[in-house]
C-alpha atoms as a PDB file:
ATOM      1  CA  MET A   1      -0.082  -0.010  -0.261  1.00  0.00           C
ATOM      2  CA  ASP A   2       1.478   3.208  -1.144  1.00  0.00           C
ATOM      3  CA  LEU A   3       0.771   5.218   2.314  1.00  0.00           C
ATOM      4  CA  LEU A   4       1.316   8.954  -0.009  1.00  0.00           C
ATOM      5  CA  LEU A   5      -1.518   7.857  -1.905  1.00  0.00           C
ATOM      6  CA  LEU A   6      -3.384   6.412   0.904  1.00  0.00           C
ATOM      7  CA  GLU A   7      -3.193   9.554   3.072  1.00  0.00           C
ATOM      8  CA  LYS A   8      -4.622  11.347  -0.214  1.00  0.00           C
ATOM      9  CA  GLN A   9      -7.789   9.671   0.005  1.00  0.00           C
ATOM     10  CA  LEU A  10      -8.191   9.473   3.588  1.00  0.00           C
ATOM     11  CA  LYS A  11      -8.022  13.471   3.148  1.00  0.00           C
ATOM     12  CA  LYS A  12     -10.800  13.513   0.892  1.00  0.00           C
ATOM     13  CA  ARG A  13     -13.154  12.604   3.796  1.00  0.00           C
ATOM     14  CA  LEU A  14     -12.265  15.866   5.474  1.00  0.00           C
ATOM     15  CA  GLU A  15     -14.369  17.589   2.814  1.00  0.00           C
ATOM     16  CA  PHE A  16     -17.934  16.120   4.460  1.00  0.00           C
ATOM     17  CA  PRO A  17     -19.102  16.942   7.791  1.00  0.00           C
ATOM     18  CA  TYR A  18     -18.529  14.385  10.538  1.00  0.00           C
ATOM     19  CA  SER A  19     -21.007  13.033  12.156  1.00  0.00           C
ATOM     20  CA  TRP A  20     -21.687   9.425  13.453  1.00  0.00           C
ATOM     21  CA  GLY A  21     -25.600  10.023  14.541  1.00  0.00           C
ATOM     22  CA  LYS A  22     -25.838   6.427  16.004  1.00  0.00           C
ATOM     23  CA  LYS A  23     -23.636   4.377  18.058  1.00  0.00           C
ATOM     24  CA  GLN A  24     -21.575   1.496  16.482  1.00  0.00           C
ATOM     25  CA  SER A  25     -23.431  -2.074  15.993  1.00  0.00           C
ATOM     26  CA  ASP A  26     -22.983  -5.381  14.693  1.00  0.00           C
ATOM     27  CA  GLU A  27     -26.186  -4.556  12.557  1.00  0.00           C
ATOM     28  CA  ASP A  28     -25.143  -1.673  10.852  1.00  0.00           C
ATOM     29  CA  ASP A  29     -21.861  -2.844  10.336  1.00  0.00           C
ATOM     30  CA  LYS A  30     -23.386  -5.648   8.390  1.00  0.00           C
ATOM     31  CA  LYS A  31     -25.109  -2.737   6.002  1.00  0.00           C
ATOM     32  CA  THR A  32     -21.918  -0.984   5.244  1.00  0.00           C
ATOM     33  CA  SER A  33     -19.516  -3.731   4.885  1.00  0.00           C
ATOM     34  CA  PHE A  34     -18.613  -2.430   1.316  1.00  0.00           C
ATOM     35  CA  ILE A  35     -15.909  -0.168   3.227  1.00  0.00           C
ATOM     36  CA  TYR A  36     -13.497  -3.202   3.259  1.00  0.00           C
ATOM     37  CA  SER A  37     -13.469  -3.170  -0.697  1.00  0.00           C
ATOM     38  CA  ALA A  38     -13.856   0.749  -1.212  1.00  0.00           C
ATOM     39  CA  ARG A  39     -10.010   1.527  -1.738  1.00  0.00           C
ATOM     40  CA  THR A  40     -10.874   5.272  -2.761  1.00  0.00           C
ATOM     41  CA  PHE A  41     -13.125   7.688  -1.633  1.00  0.00           C
ATOM     42  CA  SER A  42     -15.149   7.787  -5.023  1.00  0.00           C
ATOM     43  CA  GLU A  43     -15.391   4.015  -4.784  1.00  0.00           C
ATOM     44  CA  LEU A  44     -17.101   5.055  -0.985  1.00  0.00           C
ATOM     45  CA  LEU A  45     -19.236   7.889  -2.680  1.00  0.00           C
ATOM     46  CA  GLU A  46     -20.503   5.344  -5.217  1.00  0.00           C
ATOM     47  CA  CYS A  47     -21.422   2.487  -2.697  1.00  0.00           C
ATOM     48  CA  SER A  48     -22.858   4.495  -0.303  1.00  0.00           C
ATOM     49  CA  GLN A  49     -25.273   6.786  -2.793  1.00  0.00           C
ATOM     50  CA  TYR A  50     -28.550   4.985  -1.688  1.00  0.00           C
ATOM     51  CA  LEU A  51     -28.292   5.336   2.002  1.00  0.00           C
ATOM     52  CA  ASP A  52     -29.628   7.676   4.028  1.00  0.00           C
ATOM     53  CA  GLU A  53     -27.656  10.407   5.619  1.00  0.00           C
ATOM     54  CA  GLU A  54     -27.567   9.066   9.133  1.00  0.00           C
ATOM     55  CA  LEU A  55     -25.779   5.716   7.563  1.00  0.00           C
ATOM     56  CA  ARG A  56     -23.776   7.096   5.097  1.00  0.00           C
ATOM     57  CA  ASP A  57     -22.374   9.161   7.739  1.00  0.00           C
ATOM     58  CA  TYR A  58     -21.827   6.112   9.452  1.00  0.00           C
ATOM     59  CA  ALA A  59     -20.164   4.390   6.596  1.00  0.00           C
ATOM     60  CA  PHE A  60     -18.063   7.554   6.074  1.00  0.00           C
ATOM     61  CA  ASN A  61     -16.777   6.973   9.882  1.00  0.00           C
ATOM     62  CA  ARG A  62     -16.112   3.676   9.503  1.00  0.00           C
ATOM     63  CA  TRP A  63     -14.107   3.764   6.134  1.00  0.00           C
ATOM     64  CA  LEU A  64     -11.759   6.452   7.477  1.00  0.00           C
ATOM     65  CA  ASN A  65     -11.358   3.944  10.665  1.00  0.00           C
ATOM     66  CA  PHE A  66     -10.667   1.012   8.661  1.00  0.00           C
ATOM     67  CA  TRP A  67      -8.100   2.287   6.233  1.00  0.00           C
ATOM     68  CA  SER A  68      -6.305   4.334   8.656  1.00  0.00           C
ATOM     69  CA  ALA A  69      -5.982   1.761  10.472  1.00  0.00           C
ATOM     70  CA  LYS A  70      -4.360  -0.378   7.608  1.00  0.00           C
ATOM     71  CA  GLY A  71      -2.224   2.017   7.351  1.00  0.00           C
ATOM     72  CA  VAL A  72      -0.964   2.339  10.895  1.00  0.00           C
ATOM     73  CA  GLU A  73      -0.720  -1.822  10.551  1.00  0.00           C
ATOM     74  CA  GLN A  74       1.538  -1.501   7.556  1.00  0.00           C
ATOM     75  CA  ILE A  75       3.483   1.149   9.197  1.00  0.00           C
ATOM     76  CA  PHE A  76       4.399  -1.314  12.155  1.00  0.00           C
ATOM     77  CA  CYS A  77       5.125  -4.007   9.845  1.00  0.00           C
ATOM     78  CA  GLU A  78       7.454  -2.573   7.969  1.00  0.00           C
ATOM     79  CA  ASP A  79       9.856  -2.567  11.187  1.00  0.00           C
ATOM     80  CA  LYS A  80      12.346  -5.452  11.414  1.00  0.00           C
ATOM     81  CA  LYS A  81      10.971  -5.735  15.275  1.00  0.00           C
ATOM     82  CA  VAL A  82       7.331  -6.045  14.068  1.00  0.00           C
ATOM     83  CA  LYS A  83       6.042  -9.804  12.792  1.00  0.00           C
ATOM     84  CA  PRO A  84       2.913  -9.225  10.481  1.00  0.00           C
ATOM     85  CA  ASN A  85      -0.060 -11.496  11.626  1.00  0.00           C
ATOM     86  CA  TYR A  86      -0.806 -13.010   8.111  1.00  0.00           C
ATOM     87  CA  ASN A  87      -4.248 -13.870   9.691  1.00  0.00           C
ATOM     88  CA  GLN A  88      -6.447 -11.867   8.547  1.00  0.00           C
ATOM     89  CA  TYR A  89      -9.512 -13.249  10.301  1.00  0.00           C
ATOM     90  CA  ASP A  90      -7.472 -13.068  13.710  1.00  0.00           C
ATOM     91  CA  LYS A  91      -9.485  -9.914  15.360  1.00  0.00           C
ATOM     92  CA  LEU A  92      -7.140 -10.082  18.420  1.00  0.00           C
ATOM     93  CA  VAL A  93      -4.179 -10.060  16.826  1.00  0.00           C
ATOM     94  CA  ASP A  94      -2.335  -7.451  14.279  1.00  0.00           C
ATOM     95  CA  PHE A  95       1.229  -8.050  14.949  1.00  0.00           C
ATOM     96  CA  ARG A  96       3.833  -8.907  17.332  1.00  0.00           C
ATOM     97  CA  ILE A  97       6.584  -6.745  18.395  1.00  0.00           C
ATOM     98  CA  ASN A  98       9.479  -8.832  20.215  1.00  0.00           C
ATOM     99  CA  GLU A  99       6.885 -11.636  20.175  1.00  0.00           C
ATOM    100  CA  ILE A 100       4.485  -9.921  22.356  1.00  0.00           C
ATOM    101  CA  PRO A 101       1.264 -10.293  20.182  1.00  0.00           C
ATOM    102  CA  PHE A 102      -0.487  -7.080  20.160  1.00  0.00           C
ATOM    103  CA  ASP A 103      -4.425  -5.860  18.554  1.00  0.00           C
ATOM    104  CA  HIS A 104      -3.669  -1.797  18.013  1.00  0.00           C
ATOM    105  CA  LYS A 105      -6.453   0.498  18.167  1.00  0.00           C
ATOM    106  CA  THR A 106      -6.618   4.205  16.855  1.00  0.00           C
ATOM    107  CA  SER A 107      -8.943   6.464  19.193  1.00  0.00           C
ATOM    108  CA  VAL A 108      -9.394   9.991  19.682  1.00  0.00           C
ATOM    109  CA  PHE A 109      -8.946  11.987  23.277  1.00  0.00           C
ATOM    110  CA  PRO A 110     -12.361  10.893  24.785  1.00  0.00           C
ATOM    111  CA  LYS A 111     -14.296  13.855  25.736  1.00  0.00           C
ATOM    112  CA  ALA A 112     -15.818  11.573  28.371  1.00  0.00           C
ATOM    113  CA  TYR A 113     -12.711  10.947  30.007  1.00  0.00           C
ATOM    114  CA  PRO A 114     -12.848  13.510  33.472  1.00  0.00           C
ATOM    115  CA  LYS A 115      -9.224  13.758  33.074  1.00  0.00           C
ATOM    116  CA  THR A 116      -7.219  16.834  31.184  1.00  0.00           C
ATOM    117  CA  LEU A 117      -4.435  15.780  28.795  1.00  0.00           C
ATOM    118  CA  GLU A 118      -1.650  16.594  30.662  1.00  0.00           C
ATOM    119  CA  GLU A 119      -3.023  14.436  33.560  1.00  0.00           C
ATOM    120  CA  ALA A 120      -3.287  11.439  31.300  1.00  0.00           C
ATOM    121  CA  LEU A 121       0.050  11.811  29.896  1.00  0.00           C
ATOM    122  CA  GLN A 122       1.570  11.485  33.395  1.00  0.00           C
ATOM    123  CA  ASN A 123      -0.882   8.246  34.198  1.00  0.00           C
ATOM    124  CA  LYS A 124      -1.200   6.530  31.128  1.00  0.00           C
ATOM    125  CA  GLU A 125      -2.530   3.495  32.844  1.00  0.00           C
ATOM    126  CA  GLU A 126      -5.700   4.833  33.978  1.00  0.00           C
ATOM    127  CA  LEU A 127      -6.714   5.906  30.471  1.00  0.00           C
ATOM    128  CA  ILE A 128      -5.933   2.122  29.333  1.00  0.00           C
ATOM    129  CA  ARG A 129      -8.113   1.078  32.025  1.00  0.00           C
ATOM    130  CA  TRP A 130     -10.836   3.772  30.938  1.00  0.00           C
ATOM    131  CA  PHE A 131     -10.418   2.685  26.904  1.00  0.00           C
ATOM    132  CA  TYR A 132     -11.165  -1.148  28.045  1.00  0.00           C
ATOM    133  CA  LYS A 133     -14.211  -0.637  30.021  1.00  0.00           C
ATOM    134  CA  ASN A 134     -15.879   1.963  27.629  1.00  0.00           C
ATOM    135  CA  GLN A 135     -14.733   0.989  24.563  1.00  0.00           C
ATOM    136  CA  SER A 136     -15.222  -1.501  21.561  1.00  0.00           C
ATOM    137  CA  GLN A 137     -18.667  -3.179  22.559  1.00  0.00           C
ATOM    138  CA  GLU A 138     -20.337  -6.125  20.964  1.00  0.00           C
ATOM    139  CA  GLY A 139     -18.124  -7.878  18.565  1.00  0.00           C
ATOM    140  CA  ARG A 140     -15.120  -5.705  18.878  1.00  0.00           C
ATOM    141  CA  LYS A 141     -14.913  -5.989  22.553  1.00  0.00           C
ATOM    142  CA  HIS A 142     -11.944  -8.134  24.123  1.00  0.00           C
ATOM    143  CA  PHE A 143      -9.460  -8.318  26.634  1.00  0.00           C
ATOM    144  CA  LYS A 144      -6.273  -8.817  25.292  1.00  0.00           C
ATOM    145  CA  ASN A 145      -2.957  -6.973  24.589  1.00  0.00           C
ATOM    146  CA  ARG A 146      -3.623  -3.902  22.534  1.00  0.00           C
ATOM    147  CA  ILE A 147      -1.393  -1.051  21.996  1.00  0.00           C
ATOM    148  CA  PHE A 148      -3.636   2.592  21.480  1.00  0.00           C
ATOM    149  CA  LEU A 149      -2.882   5.376  19.153  1.00  0.00           C
ATOM    150  CA  VAL A 150      -4.186   8.361  20.988  1.00  0.00           C
ATOM    151  CA  LEU A 151      -5.066  10.991  18.729  1.00  0.00           C
ATOM    152  CA  TYR A 152      -5.100  15.076  20.356  1.00  0.00           C
ATOM    153  CA  ASN A 153      -5.923  17.829  17.837  1.00  0.00           C
ATOM    154  CA  LYS A 154      -4.377  20.851  19.971  1.00  0.00           C
ATOM    155  CA  GLU A 155      -5.825  23.820  17.094  1.00  0.00           C
ATOM    156  CA  ASN A 156      -9.259  22.376  17.658  1.00  0.00           C
ATOM    157  CA  THR A 157     -10.315  19.606  20.353  1.00  0.00           C
ATOM    158  CA  ASN A 158     -13.669  18.949  18.482  1.00  0.00           C
ATOM    159  CA  GLU A 159     -11.581  17.396  15.564  1.00  0.00           C
ATOM    160  CA  HIS A 160      -8.956  15.377  17.180  1.00  0.00           C
ATOM    161  CA  TRP A 161     -10.540  12.395  14.380  1.00  0.00           C
ATOM    162  CA  LYS A 162      -9.033  14.650  11.627  1.00  0.00           C
ATOM    163  CA  LEU A 163      -5.385  13.446  12.744  1.00  0.00           C
ATOM    164  CA  LYS A 164      -6.744   9.820  11.055  1.00  0.00           C
ATOM    165  CA  THR A 165      -5.979  11.324   8.101  1.00  0.00           C
ATOM    166  CA  GLU A 166      -2.303  12.077   8.922  1.00  0.00           C
ATOM    167  CA  ILE A 167      -0.788   8.809   7.894  1.00  0.00           C
ATOM    168  CA  LEU A 168       2.763  10.095   7.339  1.00  0.00           C
ATOM    169  CA  TYR A 169       3.014  11.954  10.275  1.00  0.00           C
ATOM    170  CA  ILE A 170       1.242   9.181  12.472  1.00  0.00           C
ATOM    171  CA  LYS A 171       4.702   6.925  10.326  1.00  0.00           C
ATOM    172  CA  ILE A 172       7.232   9.298  12.252  1.00  0.00           C
ATOM    173  CA  ILE A 173       5.835   8.574  15.465  1.00  0.00           C
ATOM    174  CA  ILE A 174       5.377   5.018  15.185  1.00  0.00           C
ATOM    175  CA  GLU A 175       8.677   4.634  13.967  1.00  0.00           C
ATOM    176  CA  LYS A 176      10.332   6.465  17.019  1.00  0.00           C
ATOM    177  CA  TYR A 177       8.179   4.660  19.452  1.00  0.00           C
ATOM    178  CA  ILE A 178       9.520   1.213  18.116  1.00  0.00           C
ATOM    179  CA  ASN A 179      13.210   2.179  17.764  1.00  0.00           C
ATOM    180  CA  HIS A 180      12.804   2.915  21.515  1.00  0.00           C
ATOM    181  CA  TYR A 181      10.436  -0.013  22.510  1.00  0.00           C
ATOM    182  CA  ASN A 182      10.926  -1.482  25.760  1.00  0.00           C
ATOM    183  CA  SER A 183       8.613  -4.452  26.884  1.00  0.00           C
ATOM    184  CA  ALA A 184       9.547  -2.880  30.431  1.00  0.00           C
ATOM    185  CA  ASN A 185       7.561   0.082  29.773  1.00  0.00           C
ATOM    186  CA  LEU A 186       4.243  -1.757  28.821  1.00  0.00           C
ATOM    187  CA  VAL A 187       1.367  -1.349  31.417  1.00  0.00           C
ATOM    188  CA  LYS A 188       0.311  -4.839  32.901  1.00  0.00           C
ATOM    189  CA  LEU A 189      -3.162  -5.300  33.738  1.00  0.00           C
ATOM    190  CA  ASN A 190      -5.463  -8.348  34.802  1.00  0.00           C
ATOM    191  CA  LEU A 191      -8.829  -7.553  33.120  1.00  0.00           C
ATOM    192  CA  ASN A 192     -11.638 -10.001  33.422  1.00  0.00           C
ATOM    193  CA  GLY A 193      -9.450 -12.695  34.675  1.00  0.00           C
ATOM    194  CA  GLU A 194      -6.809 -11.945  32.278  1.00  0.00           C
ATOM    195  CA  GLU A 195      -3.375 -10.898  32.001  1.00  0.00           C
ATOM    196  CA  VAL A 196      -2.828  -8.100  29.594  1.00  0.00           C
ATOM    197  CA  TRP A 197      -0.335  -5.702  28.141  1.00  0.00           C
ATOM    198  CA  SER A 198      -0.654  -2.435  26.625  1.00  0.00           C
ATOM    199  CA  ASP A 199       0.567   1.086  25.953  1.00  0.00           C
ATOM    200  CA  ILE A 200      -0.342   4.220  24.460  1.00  0.00           C
ATOM    201  CA  ILE A 201       1.420   6.104  21.428  1.00  0.00           C
ATOM    202  CA  TRP A 202       0.218   9.356  21.546  1.00  0.00           C
ATOM    203  CA  VAL A 203      -0.087  11.522  18.197  1.00  0.00           C
ATOM    204  CA  ILE A 204      -0.550  15.264  19.035  1.00  0.00           C
ATOM    205  CA  LYS A 205      -0.615  17.697  16.983  1.00  0.00           C
END
């Protein structure tokens, strides 16, 4: 995948209003499953032209999330320390860093989180626990190892989501993280009776 071309496609999403309109659900995921095959924004527009506005916005956002995540996964897997998971049906492991398996999740800094950015930077474990408790319901919820990319837009805190299109900027940050990666810096948790290893990579711009 050409990351520069991917970024150009993702940025076309910025031309449209950003609204979920509804919470994510397995049912609506099925209705918008075409996002996986729509590799360009023009293909996405064509596939979603007969949807009502609410479901169209839902498709737009899922498409952005999916293809941004594919770009992030590729960035990780380009490094020699990282081994990709070639099983595309495995929802729990995207790659391994020094043999430790991880799923990765890109998340905006949550409005509902009761602490400031500065407090979160000082206590990543607390934010990680909040993510595991409050994110990814239904078929997306799990208590396995996860690396969170947390986006924070300093210019407009209502537009953290726009950083999902900044693939080349994210690439620089991930490469720096891997270069300094040390498993001793991971957060170890016990969640739902399972031992979990996790970390946060901050994408602040």
